[in-house]
Amino acid sequence: MFTAVPALLTAVALFAVWLPARRATRIHPADALRHD
């Protein structure tokens, strides 16, 4: 139990970081700067 909770929280945190990072890799940098 003491290892399951931190492992679950780590998995949720990695998924929460991975999703926006994956989405950001699909955008061309010039397009991102143009919309800024």
PDB file of N, CA and C in Angstrom:
ATOM      1  N   MET A   1       0.826  -1.197   0.000  1.00  0.00           N
ATOM      2  CA  MET A   1       0.000   0.000   0.000  1.00  0.00           C
ATOM      3  C   MET A   1       0.865   1.254   0.000  1.00  0.00           C
ATOM      4  N   PHE A   2       1.988   1.197   0.708  1.00  0.00           N
ATOM      5  CA  PHE A   2       2.857   2.371   0.789  1.00  0.00           C
ATOM      6  C   PHE A   2       3.559   2.658  -0.533  1.00  0.00           C
ATOM      7  N   THR A   3       3.653   1.671  -1.390  1.00  0.00           N
ATOM      8  CA  THR A   3       4.271   1.909  -2.696  1.00  0.00           C
ATOM      9  C   THR A   3       3.231   2.107  -3.790  1.00  0.00           C
ATOM     10  N   ALA A   4       2.022   1.645  -3.566  1.00  0.00           N
ATOM     11  CA  ALA A   4       0.989   1.761  -4.595  1.00  0.00           C
ATOM     12  C   ALA A   4       0.526   3.203  -4.769  1.00  0.00           C
ATOM     13  N   VAL A   5       0.361   3.923  -3.676  1.00  0.00           N
ATOM     14  CA  VAL A   5      -0.128   5.304  -3.766  1.00  0.00           C
ATOM     15  C   VAL A   5       0.889   6.209  -4.452  1.00  0.00           C
ATOM     16  N   PRO A   6       2.180   6.199  -4.067  1.00  0.00           N
ATOM     17  CA  PRO A   6       3.138   7.033  -4.809  1.00  0.00           C
ATOM     18  C   PRO A   6       3.288   6.616  -6.269  1.00  0.00           C
ATOM     19  N   ALA A   7       3.188   5.333  -6.547  1.00  0.00           N
ATOM     20  CA  ALA A   7       3.281   4.880  -7.934  1.00  0.00           C
ATOM     21  C   ALA A   7       2.093   5.391  -8.743  1.00  0.00           C
ATOM     22  N   LEU A   8       0.917   5.367  -8.168  1.00  0.00           N
ATOM     23  CA  LEU A   8      -0.269   5.875  -8.852  1.00  0.00           C
ATOM     24  C   LEU A   8      -0.171   7.381  -9.068  1.00  0.00           C
ATOM     25  N   LEU A   9       0.272   8.113  -8.059  1.00  0.00           N
ATOM     26  CA  LEU A   9       0.420   9.563  -8.195  1.00  0.00           C
ATOM     27  C   LEU A   9       1.476   9.913  -9.233  1.00  0.00           C
ATOM     28  N   THR A  10       2.551   9.147  -9.284  1.00  0.00           N
ATOM     29  CA  THR A  10       3.586   9.376 -10.290  1.00  0.00           C
ATOM     30  C   THR A  10       3.046   9.111 -11.686  1.00  0.00           C
ATOM     31  N   ALA A  11       2.276   8.057 -11.840  1.00  0.00           N
ATOM     32  CA  ALA A  11       1.701   7.746 -13.146  1.00  0.00           C
ATOM     33  C   ALA A  11       0.737   8.840 -13.599  1.00  0.00           C
ATOM     34  N   VAL A  12      -0.072   9.351 -12.694  1.00  0.00           N
ATOM     35  CA  VAL A  12      -1.010  10.425 -13.036  1.00  0.00           C
ATOM     36  C   VAL A  12      -0.248  11.693 -13.395  1.00  0.00           C
ATOM     37  N   ALA A  13       0.804  12.011 -12.648  1.00  0.00           N
ATOM     38  CA  ALA A  13       1.594  13.211 -12.933  1.00  0.00           C
ATOM     39  C   ALA A  13       2.304  13.096 -14.278  1.00  0.00           C
ATOM     40  N   LEU A  14       2.857  11.935 -14.573  1.00  0.00           N
ATOM     41  CA  LEU A  14       3.523  11.754 -15.861  1.00  0.00           C
ATOM     42  C   LEU A  14       2.538  11.868 -17.017  1.00  0.00           C
ATOM     43  N   PHE A  15       1.347  11.334 -16.845  1.00  0.00           N
ATOM     44  CA  PHE A  15       0.337  11.443 -17.895  1.00  0.00           C
ATOM     45  C   PHE A  15      -0.107  12.890 -18.070  1.00  0.00           C
ATOM     46  N   ALA A  16      -0.231  13.628 -16.965  1.00  0.00           N
ATOM     47  CA  ALA A  16      -0.658  15.027 -17.037  1.00  0.00           C
ATOM     48  C   ALA A  16       0.400  15.896 -17.708  1.00  0.00           C
ATOM     49  N   VAL A  17       1.655  15.525 -17.598  1.00  0.00           N
ATOM     50  CA  VAL A  17       2.729  16.284 -18.245  1.00  0.00           C
ATOM     51  C   VAL A  17       2.910  15.825 -19.687  1.00  0.00           C
ATOM     52  N   TRP A  18       2.744  14.539 -19.936  1.00  0.00           N
ATOM     53  CA  TRP A  18       2.998  13.981 -21.264  1.00  0.00           C
ATOM     54  C   TRP A  18       1.979  14.447 -22.294  1.00  0.00           C
ATOM     55  N   LEU A  19       0.735  14.584 -21.875  1.00  0.00           N
ATOM     56  CA  LEU A  19      -0.318  14.945 -22.828  1.00  0.00           C
ATOM     57  C   LEU A  19      -0.107  16.329 -23.444  1.00  0.00           C
ATOM     58  N   PRO A  20       0.111  17.395 -22.675  1.00  0.00           N
ATOM     59  CA  PRO A  20       0.376  18.696 -23.308  1.00  0.00           C
ATOM     60  C   PRO A  20       1.693  18.719 -24.078  1.00  0.00           C
ATOM     61  N   ALA A  21       2.684  17.981 -23.607  1.00  0.00           N
ATOM     62  CA  ALA A  21       3.963  17.947 -24.324  1.00  0.00           C
ATOM     63  C   ALA A  21       3.793  17.263 -25.672  1.00  0.00           C
ATOM     64  N   ARG A  22       3.015  16.222 -25.713  1.00  0.00           N
ATOM     65  CA  ARG A  22       2.746  15.520 -26.977  1.00  0.00           C
ATOM     66  C   ARG A  22       1.989  16.434 -27.941  1.00  0.00           C
ATOM     67  N   ARG A  23       1.051  17.193 -27.406  1.00  0.00           N
ATOM     68  CA  ARG A  23       0.280  18.112 -28.239  1.00  0.00           C
ATOM     69  C   ARG A  23       1.170  19.244 -28.753  1.00  0.00           C
ATOM     70  N   ALA A  24       2.123  19.691 -27.948  1.00  0.00           N
ATOM     71  CA  ALA A  24       3.000  20.795 -28.343  1.00  0.00           C
ATOM     72  C   ALA A  24       3.973  20.376 -29.435  1.00  0.00           C
ATOM     73  N   THR A  25       4.308  19.112 -29.511  1.00  0.00           N
ATOM     74  CA  THR A  25       5.245  18.672 -30.546  1.00  0.00           C
ATOM     75  C   THR A  25       4.610  18.675 -31.928  1.00  0.00           C
ATOM     76  N   ARG A  26       3.296  18.711 -32.004  1.00  0.00           N
ATOM     77  CA  ARG A  26       2.617  18.701 -33.300  1.00  0.00           C
ATOM     78  C   ARG A  26       2.508  20.094 -33.913  1.00  0.00           C
ATOM     79  N   ILE A  27       2.779  21.135 -33.115  1.00  0.00           N
ATOM     80  CA  ILE A  27       2.638  22.511 -33.592  1.00  0.00           C
ATOM     81  C   ILE A  27       3.987  23.007 -34.089  1.00  0.00           C
ATOM     82  N   HIS A  28       3.991  23.619 -35.254  1.00  0.00           N
ATOM     83  CA  HIS A  28       5.214  24.194 -35.807  1.00  0.00           C
ATOM     84  C   HIS A  28       5.585  25.435 -34.990  1.00  0.00           C
ATOM     85  N   PRO A  29       6.872  25.619 -34.637  1.00  0.00           N
ATOM     86  CA  PRO A  29       7.263  26.764 -33.804  1.00  0.00           C
ATOM     87  C   PRO A  29       6.885  28.115 -34.403  1.00  0.00           C
ATOM     88  N   ALA A  30       6.986  28.265 -35.716  1.00  0.00           N
ATOM     89  CA  ALA A  30       6.631  29.542 -36.343  1.00  0.00           C
ATOM     90  C   ALA A  30       5.139  29.828 -36.184  1.00  0.00           C
ATOM     91  N   ASP A  31       4.314  28.803 -36.267  1.00  0.00           N
ATOM     92  CA  ASP A  31       2.877  28.998 -36.069  1.00  0.00           C
ATOM     93  C   ASP A  31       2.571  29.402 -34.629  1.00  0.00           C
ATOM     94  N   ALA A  32       3.280  28.811 -33.688  1.00  0.00           N
ATOM     95  CA  ALA A  32       3.067  29.159 -32.285  1.00  0.00           C
ATOM     96  C   ALA A  32       3.459  30.611 -32.020  1.00  0.00           C
ATOM     97  N   LEU A  33       4.555  31.058 -32.619  1.00  0.00           N
ATOM     98  CA  LEU A  33       4.976  32.444 -32.432  1.00  0.00           C
ATOM     99  C   LEU A  33       4.031  33.407 -33.141  1.00  0.00           C
ATOM    100  N   ARG A  34       3.501  33.010 -34.262  1.00  0.00           N
ATOM    101  CA  ARG A  34       2.590  33.872 -35.015  1.00  0.00           C
ATOM    102  C   ARG A  34       1.294  34.107 -34.246  1.00  0.00           C
ATOM    103  N   HIS A  35       0.813  33.093 -33.531  1.00  0.00           N
ATOM    104  CA  HIS A  35      -0.435  33.218 -32.777  1.00  0.00           C
ATOM    105  C   HIS A  35      -0.232  33.886 -31.431  1.00  0.00           C
ATOM    106  N   ASP A  36       1.005  34.103 -31.049  1.00  0.00           N
ATOM    107  CA  ASP A  36       1.287  34.693 -29.738  1.00  0.00           C
ATOM    108  C   ASP A  36       1.033  36.173 -29.693  1.00  0.00           C
TER     109      ASP A  36
END
